[in-house]
């Protein structure tokens, strides 16, 4: 179940996340939400920490 959380993101980090988002959109040729990109990036990083 998804949970709504409000966070503050630095401008530079926002630009990097949106760049990742745009690359996914171009690669998959479909809409991808900002939230799903953040979730994906967080999940990958947390999986690497095990």
N, C-alpha and C. Protein backbone atom coordinates (compact mmCIF):
# COMPACT_ATOMS: atom_id res chain seq x y z
N UNK A 1 0.84 -1.18 0.00
CA UNK A 1 0.00 0.00 0.00
C UNK A 1 0.88 1.24 0.00
N UNK A 2 0.56 2.18 -0.83
CA UNK A 2 1.34 3.42 -0.92
C UNK A 2 0.97 4.36 0.21
N UNK A 3 1.92 5.17 0.60
CA UNK A 3 1.73 6.13 1.68
C UNK A 3 2.18 7.50 1.18
N UNK A 4 1.38 8.52 1.40
CA UNK A 4 1.73 9.87 0.98
C UNK A 4 2.65 10.49 2.02
N UNK A 5 3.82 10.95 1.55
CA UNK A 5 4.81 11.59 2.41
C UNK A 5 5.31 12.84 1.71
N UNK A 6 5.45 13.91 2.45
CA UNK A 6 5.97 15.16 1.89
C UNK A 6 7.43 15.32 2.32
N UNK A 7 8.30 15.56 1.33
CA UNK A 7 9.72 15.78 1.61
C UNK A 7 10.20 17.00 0.82
N UNK A 8 11.32 17.54 1.24
CA UNK A 8 11.95 18.64 0.53
C UNK A 8 13.14 18.07 -0.24
N UNK A 9 13.23 18.40 -1.53
CA UNK A 9 14.32 17.92 -2.38
C UNK A 9 15.07 19.14 -2.94
N UNK A 10 16.39 19.10 -2.84
CA UNK A 10 17.21 20.18 -3.39
C UNK A 10 17.00 20.30 -4.89
N UNK A 11 17.18 21.50 -5.41
CA UNK A 11 16.99 21.75 -6.83
C UNK A 11 17.85 20.85 -7.71
N UNK A 12 19.10 20.67 -7.35
CA UNK A 12 20.01 19.83 -8.15
C UNK A 12 19.56 18.38 -8.15
N UNK A 13 19.11 17.89 -7.00
CA UNK A 13 18.62 16.51 -6.92
C UNK A 13 17.34 16.36 -7.74
N UNK A 14 16.48 17.36 -7.70
CA UNK A 14 15.25 17.35 -8.50
C UNK A 14 15.58 17.25 -9.98
N UNK A 15 16.57 18.01 -10.43
CA UNK A 15 16.97 17.98 -11.83
C UNK A 15 17.48 16.60 -12.23
N UNK A 16 18.26 15.98 -11.35
CA UNK A 16 18.82 14.65 -11.64
C UNK A 16 17.71 13.60 -11.70
N UNK A 17 16.76 13.68 -10.78
CA UNK A 17 15.66 12.72 -10.78
C UNK A 17 14.81 12.90 -12.03
N UNK A 18 14.54 14.14 -12.41
CA UNK A 18 13.74 14.39 -13.61
C UNK A 18 14.48 13.95 -14.88
N UNK A 19 15.79 14.01 -14.87
CA UNK A 19 16.57 13.51 -16.00
C UNK A 19 16.41 11.99 -16.11
N UNK A 20 16.49 11.30 -14.97
CA UNK A 20 16.27 9.85 -14.96
C UNK A 20 14.86 9.55 -15.45
N UNK A 21 13.89 10.32 -14.99
CA UNK A 21 12.50 10.15 -15.42
C UNK A 21 12.36 10.30 -16.93
N UNK A 22 12.98 11.33 -17.48
CA UNK A 22 12.87 11.57 -18.92
C UNK A 22 13.51 10.44 -19.72
N UNK A 23 14.62 9.89 -19.24
CA UNK A 23 15.27 8.77 -19.93
C UNK A 23 14.39 7.53 -19.92
N UNK A 24 13.73 7.28 -18.80
CA UNK A 24 12.82 6.13 -18.71
C UNK A 24 11.64 6.33 -19.66
N UNK A 25 11.09 7.54 -19.69
CA UNK A 25 9.95 7.83 -20.57
C UNK A 25 10.34 7.61 -22.03
N UNK A 26 11.50 8.09 -22.43
CA UNK A 26 11.96 7.90 -23.81
C UNK A 26 12.21 6.43 -24.12
N UNK A 27 12.80 5.72 -23.19
CA UNK A 27 13.14 4.31 -23.40
C UNK A 27 11.88 3.45 -23.49
N UNK A 28 10.92 3.67 -22.58
CA UNK A 28 9.73 2.82 -22.52
C UNK A 28 8.56 3.38 -23.32
N UNK A 29 8.70 4.61 -23.79
CA UNK A 29 7.66 5.26 -24.59
C UNK A 29 6.29 5.25 -23.89
N UNK A 30 6.32 5.55 -22.58
CA UNK A 30 5.08 5.64 -21.81
C UNK A 30 5.28 6.62 -20.66
N UNK A 31 4.18 7.03 -20.06
CA UNK A 31 4.22 7.96 -18.94
C UNK A 31 4.79 7.28 -17.69
N UNK A 32 5.66 8.02 -16.99
CA UNK A 32 6.25 7.52 -15.75
C UNK A 32 6.19 8.65 -14.72
N UNK A 33 5.59 8.38 -13.57
CA UNK A 33 5.43 9.43 -12.56
C UNK A 33 6.74 9.71 -11.83
N UNK A 34 6.84 10.92 -11.34
CA UNK A 34 8.00 11.34 -10.54
C UNK A 34 8.11 10.43 -9.31
N UNK A 35 6.97 10.14 -8.68
CA UNK A 35 6.96 9.28 -7.48
C UNK A 35 7.48 7.89 -7.78
N UNK A 36 7.10 7.33 -8.90
CA UNK A 36 7.56 5.98 -9.23
C UNK A 36 9.07 5.95 -9.47
N UNK A 37 9.60 7.02 -10.04
CA UNK A 37 11.05 7.10 -10.26
C UNK A 37 11.77 7.17 -8.92
N UNK A 38 11.27 8.00 -8.02
CA UNK A 38 11.88 8.11 -6.69
C UNK A 38 11.82 6.76 -5.97
N UNK A 39 10.66 6.10 -6.00
CA UNK A 39 10.52 4.78 -5.36
C UNK A 39 11.50 3.78 -5.94
N UNK A 40 11.65 3.77 -7.25
CA UNK A 40 12.57 2.85 -7.90
C UNK A 40 14.02 3.13 -7.49
N UNK A 41 14.40 4.40 -7.50
CA UNK A 41 15.77 4.77 -7.14
C UNK A 41 16.07 4.42 -5.67
N UNK A 42 15.12 4.69 -4.79
CA UNK A 42 15.30 4.37 -3.38
C UNK A 42 15.40 2.87 -3.16
N UNK A 43 14.53 2.12 -3.82
CA UNK A 43 14.54 0.66 -3.67
C UNK A 43 15.87 0.08 -4.13
N UNK A 44 16.40 0.56 -5.26
CA UNK A 44 17.69 0.06 -5.76
C UNK A 44 18.81 0.38 -4.77
N UNK A 45 18.84 1.59 -4.25
CA UNK A 45 19.89 1.97 -3.32
C UNK A 45 19.80 1.19 -2.01
N UNK A 46 18.60 1.00 -1.52
CA UNK A 46 18.44 0.25 -0.27
C UNK A 46 18.77 -1.23 -0.45
N UNK A 47 18.50 -1.78 -1.61
CA UNK A 47 18.83 -3.17 -1.90
C UNK A 47 20.36 -3.35 -1.94
N UNK A 48 21.06 -2.33 -2.40
CA UNK A 48 22.54 -2.39 -2.47
C UNK A 48 23.18 -2.31 -1.08
N UNK A 49 22.44 -1.84 -0.10
CA UNK A 49 22.99 -1.65 1.26
C UNK A 49 22.98 -2.93 2.08
N UNK A 50 22.34 -4.00 1.57
CA UNK A 50 22.27 -5.26 2.34
C UNK A 50 23.55 -6.02 2.29
